[in-house]
N, C-alpha and C. Protein backbone atom coordinates (compact mmCIF):
# COMPACT_ATOMS: atom_id res chain seq x y z
N MET A 1 -63.52 7.15 -4.54
CA MET A 1 -62.58 6.17 -4.06
C MET A 1 -61.38 6.07 -4.99
N THR A 2 -61.65 6.14 -6.26
CA THR A 2 -60.55 6.02 -7.21
C THR A 2 -59.62 7.23 -7.17
N ARG A 3 -60.25 8.43 -6.90
CA ARG A 3 -59.40 9.61 -6.78
C ARG A 3 -58.50 9.51 -5.56
N ALA A 4 -59.02 9.04 -4.47
CA ALA A 4 -58.24 8.89 -3.24
C ALA A 4 -57.13 7.86 -3.45
N ARG A 5 -57.50 6.76 -4.11
CA ARG A 5 -56.51 5.71 -4.38
C ARG A 5 -55.42 6.24 -5.32
N ALA A 6 -55.80 7.01 -6.32
CA ALA A 6 -54.84 7.58 -7.27
C ALA A 6 -53.92 8.57 -6.55
N ALA A 7 -54.51 9.38 -5.64
CA ALA A 7 -53.71 10.36 -4.90
C ALA A 7 -52.69 9.66 -4.01
N VAL A 8 -53.14 8.59 -3.33
CA VAL A 8 -52.23 7.82 -2.46
C VAL A 8 -51.15 7.16 -3.30
N SER A 9 -51.54 6.59 -4.43
CA SER A 9 -50.56 5.94 -5.32
C SER A 9 -49.53 6.94 -5.81
N LEU A 10 -49.99 8.11 -6.23
CA LEU A 10 -49.05 9.15 -6.67
C LEU A 10 -48.14 9.60 -5.53
N GLY A 11 -48.70 9.72 -4.34
CA GLY A 11 -47.90 10.11 -3.18
C GLY A 11 -46.82 9.09 -2.86
N VAL A 12 -47.19 7.79 -2.88
CA VAL A 12 -46.22 6.72 -2.62
C VAL A 12 -45.16 6.69 -3.71
N LEU A 13 -45.59 6.83 -4.96
CA LEU A 13 -44.66 6.84 -6.08
C LEU A 13 -43.70 8.03 -5.98
N GLY A 14 -44.23 9.19 -5.65
CA GLY A 14 -43.40 10.39 -5.49
C GLY A 14 -42.40 10.24 -4.35
N ALA A 15 -42.86 9.68 -3.21
CA ALA A 15 -41.97 9.46 -2.08
C ALA A 15 -40.88 8.46 -2.43
N GLY A 16 -41.27 7.40 -3.17
CA GLY A 16 -40.29 6.40 -3.60
C GLY A 16 -39.22 6.99 -4.50
N LEU A 17 -39.65 7.84 -5.43
CA LEU A 17 -38.68 8.50 -6.31
C LEU A 17 -37.77 9.43 -5.53
N ALA A 18 -38.35 10.16 -4.58
CA ALA A 18 -37.54 11.09 -3.77
C ALA A 18 -36.51 10.34 -2.94
N VAL A 19 -36.91 9.22 -2.34
CA VAL A 19 -35.99 8.43 -1.51
C VAL A 19 -34.91 7.78 -2.38
N SER A 20 -35.29 7.27 -3.55
CA SER A 20 -34.30 6.61 -4.40
C SER A 20 -33.29 7.59 -4.97
N ALA A 21 -33.62 8.85 -5.02
CA ALA A 21 -32.69 9.87 -5.52
C ALA A 21 -31.65 10.24 -4.48
N CYS A 22 -31.87 9.86 -3.23
CA CYS A 22 -30.92 10.20 -2.16
C CYS A 22 -29.80 9.17 -2.12
N ASP A 23 -28.61 9.59 -2.46
CA ASP A 23 -27.42 8.74 -2.32
C ASP A 23 -26.23 9.65 -2.02
N ASP A 24 -25.05 9.09 -2.03
CA ASP A 24 -23.86 9.88 -1.70
C ASP A 24 -23.32 10.65 -2.90
N GLN A 25 -24.06 10.65 -4.00
CA GLN A 25 -23.59 11.36 -5.18
C GLN A 25 -23.45 12.85 -4.92
N ILE A 26 -24.26 13.39 -4.05
CA ILE A 26 -24.19 14.82 -3.76
C ILE A 26 -22.80 15.20 -3.26
N LYS A 27 -22.13 14.28 -2.57
CA LYS A 27 -20.78 14.55 -2.08
C LYS A 27 -19.78 14.62 -3.22
N ARG A 28 -20.06 13.93 -4.30
CA ARG A 28 -19.13 13.89 -5.43
C ARG A 28 -19.32 15.06 -6.38
N VAL A 29 -20.42 15.76 -6.26
CA VAL A 29 -20.69 16.88 -7.17
C VAL A 29 -20.29 18.17 -6.45
N PRO A 30 -19.29 18.87 -6.95
CA PRO A 30 -18.87 20.10 -6.28
C PRO A 30 -19.95 21.18 -6.36
N ILE A 31 -20.01 21.98 -5.33
CA ILE A 31 -20.98 23.07 -5.30
C ILE A 31 -20.62 24.10 -6.35
N PHE A 32 -19.33 24.41 -6.43
CA PHE A 32 -18.87 25.40 -7.41
C PHE A 32 -18.02 24.69 -8.46
N LYS A 33 -18.16 25.08 -9.69
CA LYS A 33 -17.38 24.46 -10.76
C LYS A 33 -15.88 24.65 -10.55
N THR A 34 -15.49 25.73 -9.91
CA THR A 34 -14.06 25.97 -9.67
C THR A 34 -13.46 24.92 -8.74
N MET A 35 -14.30 24.21 -8.00
CA MET A 35 -13.80 23.14 -7.13
C MET A 35 -13.18 22.03 -7.97
N SER A 36 -13.61 21.88 -9.21
CA SER A 36 -13.07 20.84 -10.08
C SER A 36 -11.74 21.24 -10.69
N TRP A 37 -11.45 22.52 -10.75
CA TRP A 37 -10.22 23.01 -11.41
C TRP A 37 -9.23 23.46 -10.36
N GLN A 38 -8.69 22.52 -9.62
CA GLN A 38 -7.72 22.82 -8.58
C GLN A 38 -6.75 21.66 -8.45
N PRO A 39 -5.66 21.83 -7.70
CA PRO A 39 -4.66 20.76 -7.62
C PRO A 39 -5.06 19.56 -6.77
N SER A 40 -6.16 19.63 -6.03
CA SER A 40 -6.57 18.49 -5.20
C SER A 40 -7.06 17.35 -6.08
N VAL A 41 -6.91 16.13 -5.59
CA VAL A 41 -7.40 14.97 -6.32
C VAL A 41 -8.91 14.90 -6.25
N GLU A 42 -9.47 15.10 -5.09
CA GLU A 42 -10.91 15.11 -4.89
C GLU A 42 -11.36 16.55 -4.68
N ALA A 43 -12.62 16.82 -4.97
CA ALA A 43 -13.11 18.20 -4.94
C ALA A 43 -12.95 18.89 -3.59
N TYR A 44 -13.19 18.19 -2.50
CA TYR A 44 -13.14 18.84 -1.19
C TYR A 44 -11.89 18.46 -0.40
N GLU A 45 -10.94 17.88 -1.07
CA GLU A 45 -9.70 17.48 -0.42
C GLU A 45 -8.78 18.68 -0.26
N GLU A 46 -7.96 18.65 0.79
CA GLU A 46 -7.00 19.73 0.99
C GLU A 46 -5.95 19.69 -0.12
N ALA A 47 -5.61 20.83 -0.64
CA ALA A 47 -4.62 20.90 -1.72
C ALA A 47 -3.23 20.57 -1.18
N PRO A 48 -2.46 19.75 -1.89
CA PRO A 48 -1.11 19.46 -1.43
C PRO A 48 -0.24 20.71 -1.51
N ARG A 49 0.54 20.93 -0.48
CA ARG A 49 1.41 22.11 -0.46
C ARG A 49 2.84 21.67 -0.19
N LEU A 50 3.75 22.33 -0.85
CA LEU A 50 5.16 22.08 -0.57
C LEU A 50 5.52 22.74 0.75
N PRO A 51 6.43 22.12 1.51
CA PRO A 51 6.83 22.76 2.76
C PRO A 51 7.60 24.05 2.46
N PRO A 52 7.56 25.00 3.37
CA PRO A 52 8.31 26.24 3.15
C PRO A 52 9.80 25.96 2.99
N GLU A 53 10.45 26.77 2.19
CA GLU A 53 11.88 26.62 1.92
C GLU A 53 12.68 26.64 3.22
N GLY A 54 13.60 25.70 3.37
CA GLY A 54 14.49 25.67 4.52
C GLY A 54 13.91 25.05 5.77
N THR A 55 12.71 24.49 5.72
CA THR A 55 12.12 23.86 6.90
C THR A 55 12.52 22.40 6.99
N MET A 56 12.36 21.82 8.17
CA MET A 56 12.71 20.42 8.40
C MET A 56 11.44 19.64 8.72
N PRO A 57 11.44 18.33 8.43
CA PRO A 57 10.30 17.50 8.82
C PRO A 57 10.15 17.47 10.34
N VAL A 58 9.01 17.00 10.80
CA VAL A 58 8.70 16.97 12.22
C VAL A 58 9.75 16.19 13.00
N ASP A 59 10.24 15.07 12.43
CA ASP A 59 11.23 14.28 13.16
C ASP A 59 12.62 14.90 13.10
N GLY A 60 12.78 16.01 12.38
CA GLY A 60 14.05 16.70 12.33
C GLY A 60 15.06 16.10 11.39
N GLN A 61 14.69 15.07 10.66
CA GLN A 61 15.61 14.40 9.75
C GLN A 61 15.27 14.74 8.31
N PRO A 62 16.23 15.18 7.53
CA PRO A 62 15.93 15.42 6.11
C PRO A 62 15.69 14.11 5.39
N HIS A 63 14.88 14.17 4.34
CA HIS A 63 14.61 12.98 3.55
C HIS A 63 15.53 12.96 2.34
N TYR A 64 16.14 11.83 2.08
CA TYR A 64 17.00 11.66 0.90
C TYR A 64 16.44 10.55 0.05
N ASP A 65 16.27 10.82 -1.25
CA ASP A 65 15.94 9.71 -2.13
C ASP A 65 17.25 8.99 -2.46
N LEU A 66 17.15 7.90 -3.19
CA LEU A 66 18.32 7.06 -3.44
C LEU A 66 19.43 7.82 -4.16
N ASN A 67 19.08 8.65 -5.13
CA ASN A 67 20.10 9.40 -5.86
C ASN A 67 20.78 10.44 -4.98
N GLN A 68 20.03 11.10 -4.12
CA GLN A 68 20.62 12.09 -3.22
C GLN A 68 21.51 11.43 -2.17
N ALA A 69 21.11 10.26 -1.72
CA ALA A 69 21.86 9.57 -0.67
C ALA A 69 23.19 9.03 -1.17
N THR A 70 23.32 8.81 -2.46
CA THR A 70 24.53 8.21 -3.03
C THR A 70 25.79 8.98 -2.64
N ASP A 71 25.70 10.29 -2.57
CA ASP A 71 26.88 11.11 -2.29
C ASP A 71 27.14 11.32 -0.80
N LEU A 72 26.29 10.81 0.05
CA LEU A 72 26.49 10.98 1.49
C LEU A 72 27.64 10.10 1.99
N ALA A 73 28.33 10.60 2.99
CA ALA A 73 29.41 9.83 3.62
C ALA A 73 28.98 9.45 5.03
N SER A 74 29.44 8.32 5.48
CA SER A 74 29.09 7.85 6.81
C SER A 74 29.66 8.78 7.87
N PRO A 75 28.84 9.18 8.85
CA PRO A 75 29.35 10.03 9.93
C PRO A 75 29.98 9.22 11.07
N LEU A 76 30.01 7.90 10.93
CA LEU A 76 30.48 7.05 12.02
C LEU A 76 31.99 6.89 12.01
N ALA A 77 32.53 6.66 13.20
CA ALA A 77 33.97 6.45 13.34
C ALA A 77 34.35 4.99 13.15
N GLY A 78 33.39 4.09 13.25
CA GLY A 78 33.68 2.67 13.09
C GLY A 78 34.15 2.00 14.37
N THR A 79 33.61 2.43 15.50
CA THR A 79 34.00 1.85 16.78
C THR A 79 33.42 0.45 16.93
N ASP A 80 33.94 -0.28 17.91
CA ASP A 80 33.44 -1.63 18.18
C ASP A 80 31.96 -1.61 18.58
N GLU A 81 31.56 -0.58 19.34
CA GLU A 81 30.16 -0.47 19.76
C GLU A 81 29.26 -0.26 18.55
N GLU A 82 29.69 0.59 17.62
CA GLU A 82 28.89 0.84 16.41
C GLU A 82 28.80 -0.43 15.57
N MET A 83 29.90 -1.16 15.48
CA MET A 83 29.92 -2.40 14.71
C MET A 83 28.98 -3.44 15.34
N ALA A 84 29.02 -3.53 16.67
CA ALA A 84 28.16 -4.49 17.37
C ALA A 84 26.68 -4.12 17.18
N ARG A 85 26.39 -2.84 17.23
CA ARG A 85 25.00 -2.40 17.02
C ARG A 85 24.58 -2.68 15.57
N GLY A 86 25.48 -2.48 14.62
CA GLY A 86 25.18 -2.78 13.22
C GLY A 86 24.88 -4.26 13.02
N GLU A 87 25.66 -5.11 13.68
CA GLU A 87 25.43 -6.56 13.58
C GLU A 87 24.08 -6.93 14.18
N GLU A 88 23.77 -6.31 15.32
CA GLU A 88 22.48 -6.57 15.97
C GLU A 88 21.31 -6.15 15.06
N LEU A 89 21.41 -4.97 14.47
CA LEU A 89 20.35 -4.48 13.58
C LEU A 89 20.25 -5.32 12.32
N PHE A 90 21.39 -5.75 11.78
CA PHE A 90 21.39 -6.62 10.61
C PHE A 90 20.62 -7.90 10.95
N GLY A 91 20.84 -8.43 12.16
CA GLY A 91 20.13 -9.62 12.60
C GLY A 91 18.63 -9.41 12.74
N GLN A 92 18.24 -8.21 13.14
CA GLN A 92 16.81 -7.92 13.32
C GLN A 92 16.08 -7.68 12.01
N PHE A 93 16.71 -6.96 11.10
CA PHE A 93 16.00 -6.49 9.91
C PHE A 93 16.42 -7.15 8.60
N CYS A 94 17.64 -7.60 8.49
CA CYS A 94 18.18 -8.00 7.19
C CYS A 94 18.28 -9.51 7.00
N VAL A 95 18.51 -10.23 8.09
CA VAL A 95 18.75 -11.67 8.01
C VAL A 95 17.59 -12.42 7.36
N VAL A 96 16.37 -11.95 7.55
CA VAL A 96 15.21 -12.68 7.02
C VAL A 96 15.30 -12.89 5.52
N CYS A 97 15.88 -11.95 4.79
CA CYS A 97 16.04 -12.10 3.33
C CYS A 97 17.48 -12.40 2.93
N HIS A 98 18.42 -11.68 3.53
CA HIS A 98 19.82 -11.75 3.10
C HIS A 98 20.62 -12.85 3.81
N GLY A 99 20.02 -13.52 4.78
CA GLY A 99 20.71 -14.59 5.49
C GLY A 99 21.69 -14.05 6.51
N ALA A 100 22.07 -14.88 7.47
CA ALA A 100 22.96 -14.46 8.55
C ALA A 100 24.34 -14.05 8.04
N ASP A 101 24.79 -14.68 6.95
CA ASP A 101 26.11 -14.35 6.41
C ASP A 101 26.05 -13.31 5.29
N GLY A 102 24.84 -12.80 4.97
CA GLY A 102 24.70 -11.79 3.94
C GLY A 102 24.75 -12.33 2.52
N ARG A 103 24.70 -13.64 2.37
CA ARG A 103 24.80 -14.24 1.04
C ARG A 103 23.43 -14.67 0.48
N GLY A 104 22.35 -14.24 1.11
CA GLY A 104 21.02 -14.62 0.64
C GLY A 104 20.55 -15.88 1.34
N GLY A 105 19.38 -16.36 0.94
CA GLY A 105 18.86 -17.60 1.50
C GLY A 105 18.32 -17.47 2.91
N GLY A 106 17.81 -16.30 3.27
CA GLY A 106 17.21 -16.13 4.59
C GLY A 106 15.94 -16.95 4.73
N PRO A 107 15.35 -16.97 5.92
CA PRO A 107 14.17 -17.81 6.19
C PRO A 107 12.95 -17.51 5.32
N VAL A 108 12.80 -16.30 4.80
CA VAL A 108 11.62 -16.00 3.99
C VAL A 108 11.88 -16.22 2.50
N VAL A 109 13.05 -16.71 2.16
CA VAL A 109 13.40 -16.94 0.75
C VAL A 109 13.14 -18.40 0.41
N GLY A 110 12.51 -18.64 -0.72
CA GLY A 110 12.29 -20.01 -1.16
C GLY A 110 10.95 -20.17 -1.84
N ALA A 111 10.53 -21.41 -1.94
CA ALA A 111 9.28 -21.74 -2.63
C ALA A 111 8.11 -21.01 -2.00
N ASN A 112 7.26 -20.43 -2.82
CA ASN A 112 6.06 -19.70 -2.40
C ASN A 112 6.35 -18.51 -1.49
N ARG A 113 7.56 -18.02 -1.57
CA ARG A 113 7.94 -16.86 -0.77
C ARG A 113 8.69 -15.89 -1.67
N ILE A 114 9.66 -15.20 -1.12
CA ILE A 114 10.49 -14.30 -1.93
C ILE A 114 11.41 -15.16 -2.78
N PRO A 115 11.49 -14.88 -4.09
CA PRO A 115 12.36 -15.69 -4.95
C PRO A 115 13.84 -15.49 -4.58
N ASP A 116 14.60 -16.55 -4.69
CA ASP A 116 16.03 -16.49 -4.37
C ASP A 116 16.77 -15.90 -5.56
N ILE A 117 16.92 -14.58 -5.54
CA ILE A 117 17.56 -13.89 -6.65
C ILE A 117 18.98 -13.47 -6.26
N PRO A 118 19.87 -13.27 -7.22
CA PRO A 118 21.26 -12.91 -6.90
C PRO A 118 21.39 -11.63 -6.07
N LEU A 119 20.45 -10.70 -6.19
CA LEU A 119 20.56 -9.45 -5.44
C LEU A 119 20.46 -9.64 -3.94
N LEU A 120 19.98 -10.79 -3.50
CA LEU A 120 19.92 -11.05 -2.06
C LEU A 120 21.31 -11.27 -1.47
N ASN A 121 22.26 -11.61 -2.32
CA ASN A 121 23.65 -11.79 -1.87
C ASN A 121 24.30 -10.41 -1.78
N LEU A 122 24.59 -9.99 -0.57
CA LEU A 122 25.18 -8.67 -0.34
C LEU A 122 26.70 -8.69 -0.42
N ARG A 123 27.29 -9.85 -0.70
CA ARG A 123 28.75 -9.95 -0.69
C ARG A 123 29.31 -10.10 -2.10
N THR A 124 28.66 -9.47 -3.05
CA THR A 124 29.10 -9.53 -4.44
C THR A 124 29.89 -8.27 -4.79
N GLU A 125 30.55 -8.31 -5.94
CA GLU A 125 31.28 -7.13 -6.43
C GLU A 125 30.32 -5.96 -6.65
N LEU A 126 29.13 -6.26 -7.12
CA LEU A 126 28.15 -5.19 -7.36
C LEU A 126 27.86 -4.44 -6.07
N THR A 127 27.59 -5.16 -5.00
CA THR A 127 27.29 -4.52 -3.72
C THR A 127 28.51 -3.78 -3.19
N ARG A 128 29.69 -4.35 -3.35
CA ARG A 128 30.92 -3.67 -2.92
C ARG A 128 31.13 -2.36 -3.67
N SER A 129 30.66 -2.31 -4.91
CA SER A 129 30.87 -1.10 -5.73
C SER A 129 29.96 0.06 -5.33
N TYR A 130 28.91 -0.21 -4.60
CA TYR A 130 28.00 0.86 -4.18
C TYR A 130 28.67 1.72 -3.11
N THR A 131 28.35 3.00 -3.12
CA THR A 131 28.86 3.88 -2.07
C THR A 131 28.12 3.58 -0.76
N ASP A 132 28.73 4.00 0.34
CA ASP A 132 28.06 3.84 1.63
C ASP A 132 26.72 4.58 1.64
N GLY A 133 26.72 5.77 1.05
CA GLY A 133 25.49 6.55 0.99
C GLY A 133 24.39 5.85 0.21
N TYR A 134 24.78 5.18 -0.89
CA TYR A 134 23.79 4.45 -1.69
C TYR A 134 23.19 3.32 -0.86
N LEU A 135 24.02 2.56 -0.15
CA LEU A 135 23.52 1.47 0.68
C LEU A 135 22.61 2.00 1.79
N TRP A 136 23.02 3.12 2.39
CA TRP A 136 22.22 3.75 3.44
C TRP A 136 20.87 4.18 2.87
N GLY A 137 20.88 4.78 1.69
CA GLY A 137 19.64 5.19 1.04
C GLY A 137 18.78 4.02 0.64
N MET A 138 19.40 2.92 0.22
CA MET A 138 18.66 1.71 -0.16
C MET A 138 17.92 1.15 1.06
N ILE A 139 18.57 1.16 2.21
CA ILE A 139 17.91 0.67 3.42
C ILE A 139 16.71 1.56 3.74
N GLY A 140 16.88 2.86 3.64
CA GLY A 140 15.81 3.79 3.99
C GLY A 140 14.67 3.83 2.98
N ASN A 141 14.99 3.72 1.70
CA ASN A 141 13.97 3.87 0.66
C ASN A 141 13.42 2.55 0.14
N GLY A 142 14.21 1.49 0.24
CA GLY A 142 13.80 0.23 -0.35
C GLY A 142 13.88 0.31 -1.87
N ARG A 143 13.70 -0.83 -2.51
CA ARG A 143 13.72 -0.86 -3.97
C ARG A 143 13.33 -2.26 -4.42
N GLY A 144 12.51 -2.34 -5.44
CA GLY A 144 12.08 -3.65 -5.93
C GLY A 144 11.34 -4.41 -4.84
N LEU A 145 11.80 -5.61 -4.54
CA LEU A 145 11.15 -6.42 -3.50
C LEU A 145 11.51 -5.96 -2.09
N MET A 146 12.57 -5.17 -1.96
CA MET A 146 13.00 -4.74 -0.63
C MET A 146 12.12 -3.59 -0.15
N PRO A 147 11.51 -3.74 1.03
CA PRO A 147 10.68 -2.65 1.55
C PRO A 147 11.55 -1.53 2.13
N SER A 148 10.93 -0.40 2.37
CA SER A 148 11.61 0.72 3.01
C SER A 148 11.78 0.42 4.50
N TYR A 149 12.97 0.71 5.00
CA TYR A 149 13.22 0.59 6.44
C TYR A 149 13.51 1.97 7.01
N ARG A 150 12.76 2.97 6.56
CA ARG A 150 12.98 4.33 7.03
C ARG A 150 12.70 4.46 8.52
N ARG A 151 11.94 3.55 9.08
CA ARG A 151 11.65 3.63 10.52
C ARG A 151 12.90 3.37 11.36
N ILE A 152 13.92 2.75 10.75
CA ILE A 152 15.19 2.59 11.45
C ILE A 152 15.86 3.96 11.50
N LEU A 153 16.33 4.36 12.65
CA LEU A 153 16.97 5.67 12.79
C LEU A 153 18.11 5.82 11.78
N PRO A 154 18.31 7.01 11.25
CA PRO A 154 19.39 7.21 10.27
C PRO A 154 20.75 6.75 10.77
N GLU A 155 21.06 7.04 12.03
CA GLU A 155 22.36 6.63 12.58
C GLU A 155 22.47 5.10 12.62
N ASP A 156 21.37 4.43 12.93
CA ASP A 156 21.38 2.97 12.96
C ASP A 156 21.52 2.38 11.56
N ARG A 157 20.96 3.06 10.55
CA ARG A 157 21.15 2.59 9.17
C ARG A 157 22.63 2.66 8.78
N TRP A 158 23.31 3.72 9.24
CA TRP A 158 24.75 3.82 8.98
C TRP A 158 25.49 2.67 9.66
N LYS A 159 25.03 2.25 10.81
CA LYS A 159 25.68 1.14 11.52
C LYS A 159 25.49 -0.17 10.76
N ILE A 160 24.34 -0.35 10.13
CA ILE A 160 24.13 -1.54 9.30
C ILE A 160 25.09 -1.52 8.12
N VAL A 161 25.26 -0.35 7.50
CA VAL A 161 26.21 -0.22 6.39
C VAL A 161 27.62 -0.53 6.87
N LEU A 162 27.98 -0.04 8.05
CA LEU A 162 29.30 -0.31 8.63
C LEU A 162 29.50 -1.81 8.81
N TYR A 163 28.49 -2.50 9.31
CA TYR A 163 28.59 -3.95 9.49
C TYR A 163 28.71 -4.66 8.14
N LEU A 164 27.95 -4.21 7.16
CA LEU A 164 28.04 -4.80 5.82
C LEU A 164 29.44 -4.61 5.24
N ARG A 165 30.02 -3.44 5.44
CA ARG A 165 31.39 -3.20 4.97
C ARG A 165 32.39 -4.09 5.70
N SER A 166 32.11 -4.44 6.94
CA SER A 166 33.01 -5.36 7.65
C SER A 166 32.96 -6.75 7.02
N MET A 167 31.79 -7.14 6.51
CA MET A 167 31.69 -8.41 5.78
C MET A 167 32.52 -8.34 4.50
N HIS A 168 32.46 -7.20 3.81
CA HIS A 168 33.25 -7.03 2.58
C HIS A 168 34.74 -7.09 2.89
N ALA A 169 35.15 -6.47 4.01
CA ALA A 169 36.56 -6.50 4.40
C ALA A 169 37.00 -7.92 4.72
N ALA A 170 36.13 -8.68 5.38
CA ALA A 170 36.45 -10.08 5.69
C ALA A 170 36.60 -10.88 4.41
N ASP A 171 35.75 -10.62 3.42
CA ASP A 171 35.87 -11.31 2.12
C ASP A 171 37.19 -10.97 1.44
N ALA A 172 37.60 -9.70 1.53
CA ALA A 172 38.87 -9.28 0.91
C ALA A 172 40.05 -9.96 1.59
N ARG A 173 40.03 -10.04 2.92
CA ARG A 173 41.12 -10.72 3.65
C ARG A 173 41.17 -12.19 3.29
N GLU A 174 39.99 -12.80 3.17
CA GLU A 174 39.91 -14.22 2.80
C GLU A 174 40.46 -14.45 1.39
N ALA A 175 40.15 -13.55 0.48
CA ALA A 175 40.64 -13.68 -0.90
C ALA A 175 42.16 -13.51 -0.96
N GLU A 176 42.71 -12.60 -0.15
CA GLU A 176 44.17 -12.40 -0.11
C GLU A 176 44.88 -13.61 0.47
N ALA A 177 44.24 -14.27 1.42
CA ALA A 177 44.86 -15.43 2.07
C ALA A 177 44.97 -16.62 1.13
N ARG A 178 44.17 -16.65 0.07
CA ARG A 178 44.21 -17.78 -0.86
C ARG A 178 45.37 -17.74 -1.74
């Protein structure tokens, strides 16, 4: 009886050890050591590859970081329709932080929200000094507290810049009138 009990006990103990050894660790241990010495972050992850030279992204639009965008010039003629569309887009995407007049104080600015910082005022000398390309790139890439608005079509981002420049022109006319 004791031998049978000992055999059963050893069997249960062995099964318990075998079951407790089963976890997801096997997925983390590469089969081949060379799997650890590759550019992928994880052993079985696809290696990141640069796109072939001269190819375009799927949406057909090249990507510009903020420094590359600085030298870009607006392709727009500045028509009334473009200006109206820029104003509409500014109202949809920018007013929440920069306010309807572009001077900051939008609805999400204040206590327990986005801090009311001077950069929210788009009608300063600093903002006027930026190139159109820089402003366009800032909208697309975001920076600091400002999120990226790359989902806005590139042409529509130029229209927002056009509308912002119309605010700057209005400020200049107002200053001359004084």
